[in-house]
Amino acid sequence: MRCVYICSAIRGNIPENTSKLHAYAEYVVRNGKAPVLPFLHGKNCNPLIFASDEVWVFGDYHNDEMIREINLAKSINLKVKYIKDSEVFKVE
């Protein structure tokens, strides 16, 4: 199973962003992949990016920390996929 690093905002409105992060993880699982949740591992998540097969960037806003993670992923030729909140939270 491919591992997907979840790149998303966690700072700011922490309760709301944590709730979104759980929804993002569920979205990854629904798409047949294993989510890698960096917020569980503290500040330096670079090793998790190196251990992942892809990076999925969630949300409609990308902060400086997310941009650093995106640039790292691109520098090591990982697939980077951008997913808007409207895709994750769409009503079917």
PDB file of N, CA and C in Angstrom:
ATOM      1  N   MET A   1       0.851  -1.185   0.000  1.00  0.00           N
ATOM      2  CA  MET A   1       0.000   0.000   0.000  1.00  0.00           C
ATOM      3  C   MET A   1       0.891   1.240   0.000  1.00  0.00           C
ATOM      4  N   ARG A   2       0.555   2.182  -0.853  1.00  0.00           N
ATOM      5  CA  ARG A   2       1.319   3.421  -0.934  1.00  0.00           C
ATOM      6  C   ARG A   2       1.001   4.326   0.261  1.00  0.00           C
ATOM      7  N   CYS A   3       2.028   5.006   0.749  1.00  0.00           N
ATOM      8  CA  CYS A   3       1.884   5.911   1.890  1.00  0.00           C
ATOM      9  C   CYS A   3       1.804   7.348   1.392  1.00  0.00           C
ATOM     10  N   VAL A   4       0.814   8.074   1.907  1.00  0.00           N
ATOM     11  CA  VAL A   4       0.579   9.463   1.509  1.00  0.00           C
ATOM     12  C   VAL A   4       0.803  10.375   2.709  1.00  0.00           C
ATOM     13  N   TYR A   5       1.771  11.255   2.581  1.00  0.00           N
ATOM     14  CA  TYR A   5       2.036  12.279   3.584  1.00  0.00           C
ATOM     15  C   TYR A   5       0.958  13.358   3.452  1.00  0.00           C
ATOM     16  N   ILE A   6       0.279  13.652   4.546  1.00  0.00           N
ATOM     17  CA  ILE A   6      -0.776  14.664   4.541  1.00  0.00           C
ATOM     18  C   ILE A   6      -0.169  16.013   4.899  1.00  0.00           C
ATOM     19  N   CYS A   7      -0.179  16.902   3.920  1.00  0.00           N
ATOM     20  CA  CYS A   7       0.324  18.257   4.091  1.00  0.00           C
ATOM     21  C   CYS A   7      -0.888  19.167   4.284  1.00  0.00           C
ATOM     22  N   SER A   8      -1.031  19.714   5.483  1.00  0.00           N
ATOM     23  CA  SER A   8      -2.178  20.577   5.773  1.00  0.00           C
ATOM     24  C   SER A   8      -1.825  21.522   6.914  1.00  0.00           C
ATOM     25  N   ALA A   9      -2.622  22.569   7.037  1.00  0.00           N
ATOM     26  CA  ALA A   9      -2.408  23.529   8.124  1.00  0.00           C
ATOM     27  C   ALA A   9      -2.860  22.910   9.444  1.00  0.00           C
ATOM     28  N   ILE A  10      -2.080  23.113  10.486  1.00  0.00           N
ATOM     29  CA  ILE A  10      -2.500  22.657  11.821  1.00  0.00           C
ATOM     30  C   ILE A  10      -2.530  23.847  12.783  1.00  0.00           C
ATOM     31  N   ARG A  11      -1.695  24.845  12.556  1.00  0.00           N
ATOM     32  CA  ARG A  11      -1.668  26.030  13.427  1.00  0.00           C
ATOM     33  C   ARG A  11      -2.894  26.895  13.180  1.00  0.00           C
ATOM     34  N   GLY A  12      -3.056  27.893  14.005  1.00  0.00           N
ATOM     35  CA  GLY A  12      -4.213  28.785  13.872  1.00  0.00           C
ATOM     36  C   GLY A  12      -5.366  28.237  14.682  1.00  0.00           C
ATOM     37  N   ASN A  13      -6.427  27.861  14.023  1.00  0.00           N
ATOM     38  CA  ASN A  13      -7.596  27.281  14.691  1.00  0.00           C
ATOM     39  C   ASN A  13      -7.347  25.784  14.860  1.00  0.00           C
ATOM     40  N   ILE A  14      -6.640  25.432  15.915  1.00  0.00           N
ATOM     41  CA  ILE A  14      -6.190  24.048  16.102  1.00  0.00           C
ATOM     42  C   ILE A  14      -7.347  23.058  16.180  1.00  0.00           C
ATOM     43  N   PRO A  15      -8.426  23.314  16.927  1.00  0.00           N
ATOM     44  CA  PRO A  15      -9.527  22.339  16.951  1.00  0.00           C
ATOM     45  C   PRO A  15     -10.130  22.097  15.563  1.00  0.00           C
ATOM     46  N   GLU A  16     -10.373  23.162  14.809  1.00  0.00           N
ATOM     47  CA  GLU A  16     -10.950  23.008  13.464  1.00  0.00           C
ATOM     48  C   GLU A  16      -9.974  22.304  12.525  1.00  0.00           C
ATOM     49  N   ASN A  17      -8.701  22.699  12.581  1.00  0.00           N
ATOM     50  CA  ASN A  17      -7.713  22.101  11.695  1.00  0.00           C
ATOM     51  C   ASN A  17      -7.449  20.638  12.038  1.00  0.00           C
ATOM     52  N   THR A  18      -7.515  20.298  13.316  1.00  0.00           N
ATOM     53  CA  THR A  18      -7.363  18.895  13.720  1.00  0.00           C
ATOM     54  C   THR A  18      -8.538  18.067  13.206  1.00  0.00           C
ATOM     55  N   SER A  19      -9.732  18.613  13.293  1.00  0.00           N
ATOM     56  CA  SER A  19     -10.911  17.928  12.761  1.00  0.00           C
ATOM     57  C   SER A  19     -10.766  17.705  11.257  1.00  0.00           C
ATOM     58  N   LYS A  20     -10.295  18.731  10.548  1.00  0.00           N
ATOM     59  CA  LYS A  20     -10.073  18.594   9.113  1.00  0.00           C
ATOM     60  C   LYS A  20      -9.020  17.525   8.822  1.00  0.00           C
ATOM     61  N   LEU A  21      -7.980  17.495   9.633  1.00  0.00           N
ATOM     62  CA  LEU A  21      -6.907  16.530   9.422  1.00  0.00           C
ATOM     63  C   LEU A  21      -7.435  15.100   9.492  1.00  0.00           C
ATOM     64  N   HIS A  22      -8.351  14.841  10.415  1.00  0.00           N
ATOM     65  CA  HIS A  22      -8.962  13.508  10.503  1.00  0.00           C
ATOM     66  C   HIS A  22      -9.772  13.202   9.246  1.00  0.00           C
ATOM     67  N   ALA A  23     -10.480  14.204   8.730  1.00  0.00           N
ATOM     68  CA  ALA A  23     -11.239  14.015   7.488  1.00  0.00           C
ATOM     69  C   ALA A  23     -10.296  13.768   6.310  1.00  0.00           C
ATOM     70  N   TYR A  24      -9.160  14.462   6.293  1.00  0.00           N
ATOM     71  CA  TYR A  24      -8.184  14.247   5.231  1.00  0.00           C
ATOM     72  C   TYR A  24      -7.637  12.820   5.283  1.00  0.00           C
ATOM     73  N   ALA A  25      -7.361  12.334   6.496  1.00  0.00           N
ATOM     74  CA  ALA A  25      -6.863  10.960   6.641  1.00  0.00           C
ATOM     75  C   ALA A  25      -7.896   9.952   6.142  1.00  0.00           C
ATOM     76  N   GLU A  26      -9.145  10.178   6.468  1.00  0.00           N
ATOM     77  CA  GLU A  26     -10.213   9.297   5.987  1.00  0.00           C
ATOM     78  C   GLU A  26     -10.297   9.338   4.459  1.00  0.00           C
ATOM     79  N   TYR A  27     -10.105  10.499   3.876  1.00  0.00           N
ATOM     80  CA  TYR A  27     -10.131  10.658   2.422  1.00  0.00           C
ATOM     81  C   TYR A  27      -9.008   9.830   1.782  1.00  0.00           C
ATOM     82  N   VAL A  28      -7.831   9.879   2.376  1.00  0.00           N
ATOM     83  CA  VAL A  28      -6.698   9.101   1.873  1.00  0.00           C
ATOM     84  C   VAL A  28      -7.023   7.610   1.923  1.00  0.00           C
ATOM     85  N   VAL A  29      -7.577   7.154   3.034  1.00  0.00           N
ATOM     86  CA  VAL A  29      -7.939   5.738   3.181  1.00  0.00           C
ATOM     87  C   VAL A  29      -9.000   5.342   2.157  1.00  0.00           C
ATOM     88  N   ARG A  30     -10.015   6.188   1.963  1.00  0.00           N
ATOM     89  CA  ARG A  30     -11.056   5.906   0.961  1.00  0.00           C
ATOM     90  C   ARG A  30     -10.475   5.770  -0.443  1.00  0.00           C
ATOM     91  N   ASN A  31      -9.316   6.383  -0.649  1.00  0.00           N
ATOM     92  CA  ASN A  31      -8.651   6.310  -1.942  1.00  0.00           C
ATOM     93  C   ASN A  31      -7.596   5.206  -1.994  1.00  0.00           C
ATOM     94  N   GLY A  32      -7.673   4.288  -1.031  1.00  0.00           N
ATOM     95  CA  GLY A  32      -6.844   3.087  -1.061  1.00  0.00           C
ATOM     96  C   GLY A  32      -5.387   3.261  -0.684  1.00  0.00           C
ATOM     97  N   LYS A  33      -5.099   4.296   0.093  1.00  0.00           N
ATOM     98  CA  LYS A  33      -3.717   4.562   0.487  1.00  0.00           C
ATOM     99  C   LYS A  33      -3.628   4.706   2.001  1.00  0.00           C
ATOM    100  N   ALA A  34      -2.407   4.620   2.513  1.00  0.00           N
ATOM    101  CA  ALA A  34      -2.177   4.744   3.953  1.00  0.00           C
ATOM    102  C   ALA A  34      -1.772   6.177   4.285  1.00  0.00           C
ATOM    103  N   PRO A  35      -2.507   6.844   5.182  1.00  0.00           N
ATOM    104  CA  PRO A  35      -2.155   8.227   5.531  1.00  0.00           C
ATOM    105  C   PRO A  35      -0.960   8.294   6.477  1.00  0.00           C
ATOM    106  N   VAL A  36      -0.099   9.261   6.228  1.00  0.00           N
ATOM    107  CA  VAL A  36       1.014   9.575   7.126  1.00  0.00           C
ATOM    108  C   VAL A  36       0.667  10.916   7.753  1.00  0.00           C
ATOM    109  N   LEU A  37       0.478  10.911   9.069  1.00  0.00           N
ATOM    110  CA  LEU A  37       0.004  12.088   9.793  1.00  0.00           C
ATOM    111  C   LEU A  37       1.163  12.767  10.521  1.00  0.00           C
ATOM    112  N   PRO A  38       1.728  13.805   9.945  1.00  0.00           N
ATOM    113  CA  PRO A  38       2.918  14.424  10.528  1.00  0.00           C
ATOM    114  C   PRO A  38       2.698  15.065  11.883  1.00  0.00           C
ATOM    115  N   PHE A  39       1.488  15.581  12.150  1.00  0.00           N
ATOM    116  CA  PHE A  39       1.268  16.288  13.416  1.00  0.00           C
ATOM    117  C   PHE A  39       1.436  15.372  14.621  1.00  0.00           C
ATOM    118  N   LEU A  40       1.415  14.078  14.424  1.00  0.00           N
ATOM    119  CA  LEU A  40       1.613  13.128  15.526  1.00  0.00           C
ATOM    120  C   LEU A  40       3.079  12.992  15.921  1.00  0.00           C
ATOM    121  N   HIS A  41       3.967  13.547  15.093  1.00  0.00           N
ATOM    122  CA  HIS A  41       5.393  13.297  15.273  1.00  0.00           C
ATOM    123  C   HIS A  41       6.215  14.532  15.623  1.00  0.00           C
ATOM    124  N   GLY A  42       5.577  15.609  15.985  1.00  0.00           N
ATOM    125  CA  GLY A  42       6.305  16.795  16.409  1.00  0.00           C
ATOM    126  C   GLY A  42       6.720  17.700  15.271  1.00  0.00           C
ATOM    127  N   LYS A  43       7.715  18.540  15.535  1.00  0.00           N
ATOM    128  CA  LYS A  43       8.096  19.606  14.613  1.00  0.00           C
ATOM    129  C   LYS A  43       8.764  19.123  13.335  1.00  0.00           C
ATOM    130  N   ASN A  44       9.803  18.287  13.433  1.00  0.00           N
ATOM    131  CA  ASN A  44      10.574  17.913  12.252  1.00  0.00           C
ATOM    132  C   ASN A  44       9.964  16.704  11.569  1.00  0.00           C
ATOM    133  N   CYS A  45       9.211  16.958  10.515  1.00  0.00           N
ATOM    134  CA  CYS A  45       8.517  15.885   9.798  1.00  0.00           C
ATOM    135  C   CYS A  45       9.232  15.472   8.527  1.00  0.00           C
ATOM    136  N   ASN A  46      10.403  16.053   8.268  1.00  0.00           N
ATOM    137  CA  ASN A  46      11.113  15.714   7.047  1.00  0.00           C
ATOM    138  C   ASN A  46      11.338  14.221   6.866  1.00  0.00           C
ATOM    139  N   PRO A  47      11.720  13.479   7.904  1.00  0.00           N
ATOM    140  CA  PRO A  47      11.893  12.032   7.696  1.00  0.00           C
ATOM    141  C   PRO A  47      10.611  11.342   7.213  1.00  0.00           C
ATOM    142  N   LEU A  48       9.465  11.852   7.632  1.00  0.00           N
ATOM    143  CA  LEU A  48       8.205  11.248   7.184  1.00  0.00           C
ATOM    144  C   LEU A  48       7.960  11.501   5.704  1.00  0.00           C
ATOM    145  N   ILE A  49       8.379  12.653   5.217  1.00  0.00           N
ATOM    146  CA  ILE A  49       8.244  12.931   3.784  1.00  0.00           C
ATOM    147  C   ILE A  49       9.124  11.977   2.994  1.00  0.00           C
ATOM    148  N   PHE A  50      10.353  11.786   3.458  1.00  0.00           N
ATOM    149  CA  PHE A  50      11.270  10.877   2.774  1.00  0.00           C
ATOM    150  C   PHE A  50      10.751   9.441   2.774  1.00  0.00           C
ATOM    151  N   ALA A  51       9.993   9.073   3.791  1.00  0.00           N
ATOM    152  CA  ALA A  51       9.473   7.709   3.899  1.00  0.00           C
ATOM    153  C   ALA A  51       8.148   7.513   3.162  1.00  0.00           C
ATOM    154  N   SER A  52       7.594   8.587   2.608  1.00  0.00           N
ATOM    155  CA  SER A  52       6.289   8.525   1.941  1.00  0.00           C
ATOM    156  C   SER A  52       6.465   8.330   0.436  1.00  0.00           C
ATOM    157  N   ASP A  53       5.392   7.839  -0.179  1.00  0.00           N
ATOM    158  CA  ASP A  53       5.390   7.643  -1.630  1.00  0.00           C
ATOM    159  C   ASP A  53       4.837   8.856  -2.373  1.00  0.00           C
ATOM    160  N   GLU A  54       3.980   9.620  -1.713  1.00  0.00           N
ATOM    161  CA  GLU A  54       3.340  10.788  -2.318  1.00  0.00           C
ATOM    162  C   GLU A  54       3.075  11.804  -1.223  1.00  0.00           C
ATOM    163  N   VAL A  55       2.863  13.042  -1.630  1.00  0.00           N
ATOM    164  CA  VAL A  55       2.431  14.104  -0.719  1.00  0.00           C
ATOM    165  C   VAL A  55       1.138  14.680  -1.277  1.00  0.00           C
ATOM    166  N   TRP A  56       0.100  14.681  -0.452  1.00  0.00           N
ATOM    167  CA  TRP A  56      -1.177  15.271  -0.839  1.00  0.00           C
ATOM    168  C   TRP A  56      -1.350  16.539  -0.017  1.00  0.00           C
ATOM    169  N   VAL A  57      -1.534  17.646  -0.703  1.00  0.00           N
ATOM    170  CA  VAL A  57      -1.667  18.955  -0.078  1.00  0.00           C
ATOM    171  C   VAL A  57      -3.154  19.275   0.027  1.00  0.00           C
ATOM    172  N   PHE A  58      -3.631  19.380   1.257  1.00  0.00           N
ATOM    173  CA  PHE A  58      -5.058  19.591   1.499  1.00  0.00           C
ATOM    174  C   PHE A  58      -5.346  21.025   1.897  1.00  0.00           C
ATOM    175  N   GLY A  59      -6.535  21.479   1.527  1.00  0.00           N
ATOM    176  CA  GLY A  59      -7.019  22.783   1.967  1.00  0.00           C
ATOM    177  C   GLY A  59      -6.929  23.830   0.881  1.00  0.00           C
ATOM    178  N   ASP A  60      -7.530  24.953   1.177  1.00  0.00           N
ATOM    179  CA  ASP A  60      -7.603  26.051   0.220  1.00  0.00           C
ATOM    180  C   ASP A  60      -6.535  27.105   0.479  1.00  0.00           C
ATOM    181  N   TYR A  61      -5.752  26.912   1.539  1.00  0.00           N
ATOM    182  CA  TYR A  61      -4.718  27.867   1.923  1.00  0.00           C
ATOM    183  C   TYR A  61      -3.452  27.087   2.233  1.00  0.00           C
ATOM    184  N   HIS A  62      -2.307  27.564   1.753  1.00  0.00           N
ATOM    185  CA  HIS A  62      -1.030  26.910   2.007  1.00  0.00           C
ATOM    186  C   HIS A  62      -0.108  27.866   2.756  1.00  0.00           C
ATOM    187  N   ASN A  63       0.196  27.538   4.006  1.00  0.00           N
ATOM    188  CA  ASN A  63       1.057  28.406   4.811  1.00  0.00           C
ATOM    189  C   ASN A  63       2.540  28.139   4.509  1.00  0.00           C
ATOM    190  N   ASP A  64       3.430  28.894   5.139  1.00  0.00           N
ATOM    191  CA  ASP A  64       4.867  28.775   4.869  1.00  0.00           C
ATOM    192  C   ASP A  64       5.401  27.375   5.159  1.00  0.00           C
ATOM    193  N   GLU A  65       4.949  26.778   6.243  1.00  0.00           N
ATOM    194  CA  GLU A  65       5.407  25.434   6.597  1.00  0.00           C
ATOM    195  C   GLU A  65       4.989  24.419   5.522  1.00  0.00           C
ATOM    196  N   MET A  66       3.768  24.546   5.054  1.00  0.00           N
ATOM    197  CA  MET A  66       3.285  23.650   3.997  1.00  0.00           C
ATOM    198  C   MET A  66       4.097  23.834   2.713  1.00  0.00           C
ATOM    199  N   ILE A  67       4.398  25.073   2.381  1.00  0.00           N
ATOM    200  CA  ILE A  67       5.173  25.350   1.165  1.00  0.00           C
ATOM    201  C   ILE A  67       6.560  24.729   1.268  1.00  0.00           C
ATOM    202  N   ARG A  68       7.170  24.766   2.453  1.00  0.00           N
ATOM    203  CA  ARG A  68       8.471  24.110   2.652  1.00  0.00           C
ATOM    204  C   ARG A  68       8.349  22.603   2.417  1.00  0.00           C
ATOM    205  N   GLU A  69       7.274  22.002   2.944  1.00  0.00           N
ATOM    206  CA  GLU A  69       7.070  20.562   2.756  1.00  0.00           C
ATOM    207  C   GLU A  69       6.834  20.230   1.277  1.00  0.00           C
ATOM    208  N   ILE A  70       6.072  21.058   0.593  1.00  0.00           N
ATOM    209  CA  ILE A  70       5.823  20.858  -0.838  1.00  0.00           C
ATOM    210  C   ILE A  70       7.138  20.937  -1.617  1.00  0.00           C
ATOM    211  N   ASN A  71       7.942  21.951  -1.318  1.00  0.00           N
ATOM    212  CA  ASN A  71       9.218  22.108  -2.021  1.00  0.00           C
ATOM    213  C   ASN A  71      10.159  20.937  -1.755  1.00  0.00           C
ATOM    214  N   LEU A  72      10.167  20.439  -0.523  1.00  0.00           N
ATOM    215  CA  LEU A  72      10.996  19.270  -0.211  1.00  0.00           C
ATOM    216  C   LEU A  72      10.526  18.068  -1.019  1.00  0.00           C
ATOM    217  N   ALA A  73       9.235  17.833  -1.042  1.00  0.00           N
ATOM    218  CA  ALA A  73       8.692  16.698  -1.793  1.00  0.00           C
ATOM    219  C   ALA A  73       9.068  16.796  -3.269  1.00  0.00           C
ATOM    220  N   LYS A  74       8.925  17.972  -3.837  1.00  0.00           N
ATOM    221  CA  LYS A  74       9.271  18.156  -5.249  1.00  0.00           C
ATOM    222  C   LYS A  74      10.766  17.942  -5.485  1.00  0.00           C
ATOM    223  N   SER A  75      11.588  18.363  -4.532  1.00  0.00           N
ATOM    224  CA  SER A  75      13.045  18.236  -4.694  1.00  0.00           C
ATOM    225  C   SER A  75      13.504  16.780  -4.695  1.00  0.00           C
ATOM    226  N   ILE A  76      12.700  15.892  -4.112  1.00  0.00           N
ATOM    227  CA  ILE A  76      13.053  14.465  -4.119  1.00  0.00           C
ATOM    228  C   ILE A  76      12.138  13.684  -5.062  1.00  0.00           C
ATOM    229  N   ASN A  77      11.495  14.434  -5.955  1.00  0.00           N
ATOM    230  CA  ASN A  77      10.682  13.850  -7.028  1.00  0.00           C
ATOM    231  C   ASN A  77       9.502  13.011  -6.551  1.00  0.00           C
ATOM    232  N   LEU A  78       8.897  13.422  -5.437  1.00  0.00           N
ATOM    233  CA  LEU A  78       7.664  12.777  -5.005  1.00  0.00           C
ATOM    234  C   LEU A  78       6.489  13.397  -5.743  1.00  0.00           C
ATOM    235  N   LYS A  79       5.479  12.589  -6.005  1.00  0.00           N
ATOM    236  CA  LYS A  79       4.251  13.102  -6.598  1.00  0.00           C
ATOM    237  C   LYS A  79       3.576  14.009  -5.564  1.00  0.00           C
ATOM    238  N   VAL A  80       3.184  15.203  -5.993  1.00  0.00           N
ATOM    239  CA  VAL A  80       2.475  16.147  -5.131  1.00  0.00           C
ATOM    240  C   VAL A  80       1.102  16.376  -5.747  1.00  0.00           C
ATOM    241  N   LYS A  81       0.068  16.098  -4.963  1.00  0.00           N
ATOM    242  CA  LYS A  81      -1.308  16.236  -5.427  1.00  0.00           C
ATOM    243  C   LYS A  81      -2.010  17.281  -4.554  1.00  0.00           C
ATOM    244  N   TYR A  82      -2.718  18.201  -5.192  1.00  0.00           N
ATOM    245  CA  TYR A  82      -3.432  19.261  -4.473  1.00  0.00           C
ATOM    246  C   TYR A  82      -4.918  18.927  -4.418  1.00  0.00           C
ATOM    247  N   ILE A  83      -5.486  18.987  -3.207  1.00  0.00           N
ATOM    248  CA  ILE A  83      -6.888  18.630  -3.016  1.00  0.00           C
ATOM    249  C   ILE A  83      -7.576  19.748  -2.232  1.00  0.00           C
ATOM    250  N   LYS A  84      -8.572  20.348  -2.835  1.00  0.00           N
ATOM    251  CA  LYS A  84      -9.340  21.414  -2.190  1.00  0.00           C
ATOM    252  C   LYS A  84     -10.293  20.820  -1.161  1.00  0.00           C
ATOM    253  N   ASP A  85     -10.647  21.609  -0.168  1.00  0.00           N
ATOM    254  CA  ASP A  85     -11.607  21.155   0.846  1.00  0.00           C
ATOM    255  C   ASP A  85     -12.940  20.763   0.223  1.00  0.00           C
ATOM    256  N   SER A  86     -13.334  21.440  -0.854  1.00  0.00           N
ATOM    257  CA  SER A  86     -14.610  21.113  -1.497  1.00  0.00           C
ATOM    258  C   SER A  86     -14.623  19.675  -2.030  1.00  0.00           C
ATOM    259  N   GLU A  87     -13.474  19.140  -2.357  1.00  0.00           N
ATOM    260  CA  GLU A  87     -13.397  17.736  -2.813  1.00  0.00           C
ATOM    261  C   GLU A  87     -13.543  16.780  -1.625  1.00  0.00           C
ATOM    262  N   VAL A  88     -12.924  17.107  -0.510  1.00  0.00           N
ATOM    263  CA  VAL A  88     -12.959  16.234   0.670  1.00  0.00           C
ATOM    264  C   VAL A  88     -14.345  16.244   1.313  1.00  0.00           C
ATOM    265  N   PHE A  89     -14.939  17.428   1.392  1.00  0.00           N
ATOM    266  CA  PHE A  89     -16.187  17.587   2.134  1.00  0.00           C
ATOM    267  C   PHE A  89     -17.413  17.664   1.241  1.00  0.00           C
ATOM    268  N   LYS A  90     -17.303  17.234  -0.010  1.00  0.00           N
ATOM    269  CA  LYS A  90     -18.459  17.308  -0.907  1.00  0.00           C
ATOM    270  C   LYS A  90     -19.552  16.358  -0.437  1.00  0.00           C
ATOM    271  N   VAL A  91     -20.779  16.754  -0.660  1.00  0.00           N
ATOM    272  CA  VAL A  91     -21.943  15.966  -0.281  1.00  0.00           C
ATOM    273  C   VAL A  91     -22.355  15.125  -1.468  1.00  0.00           C
ATOM    274  N   GLU A  92     -22.507  13.841  -1.217  1.00  0.00           N
ATOM    275  CA  GLU A  92     -22.909  12.947  -2.315  1.00  0.00           C
ATOM    276  C   GLU A  92     -24.330  12.488  -2.143  1.00  0.00           C
TER     277      GLU A  92
END
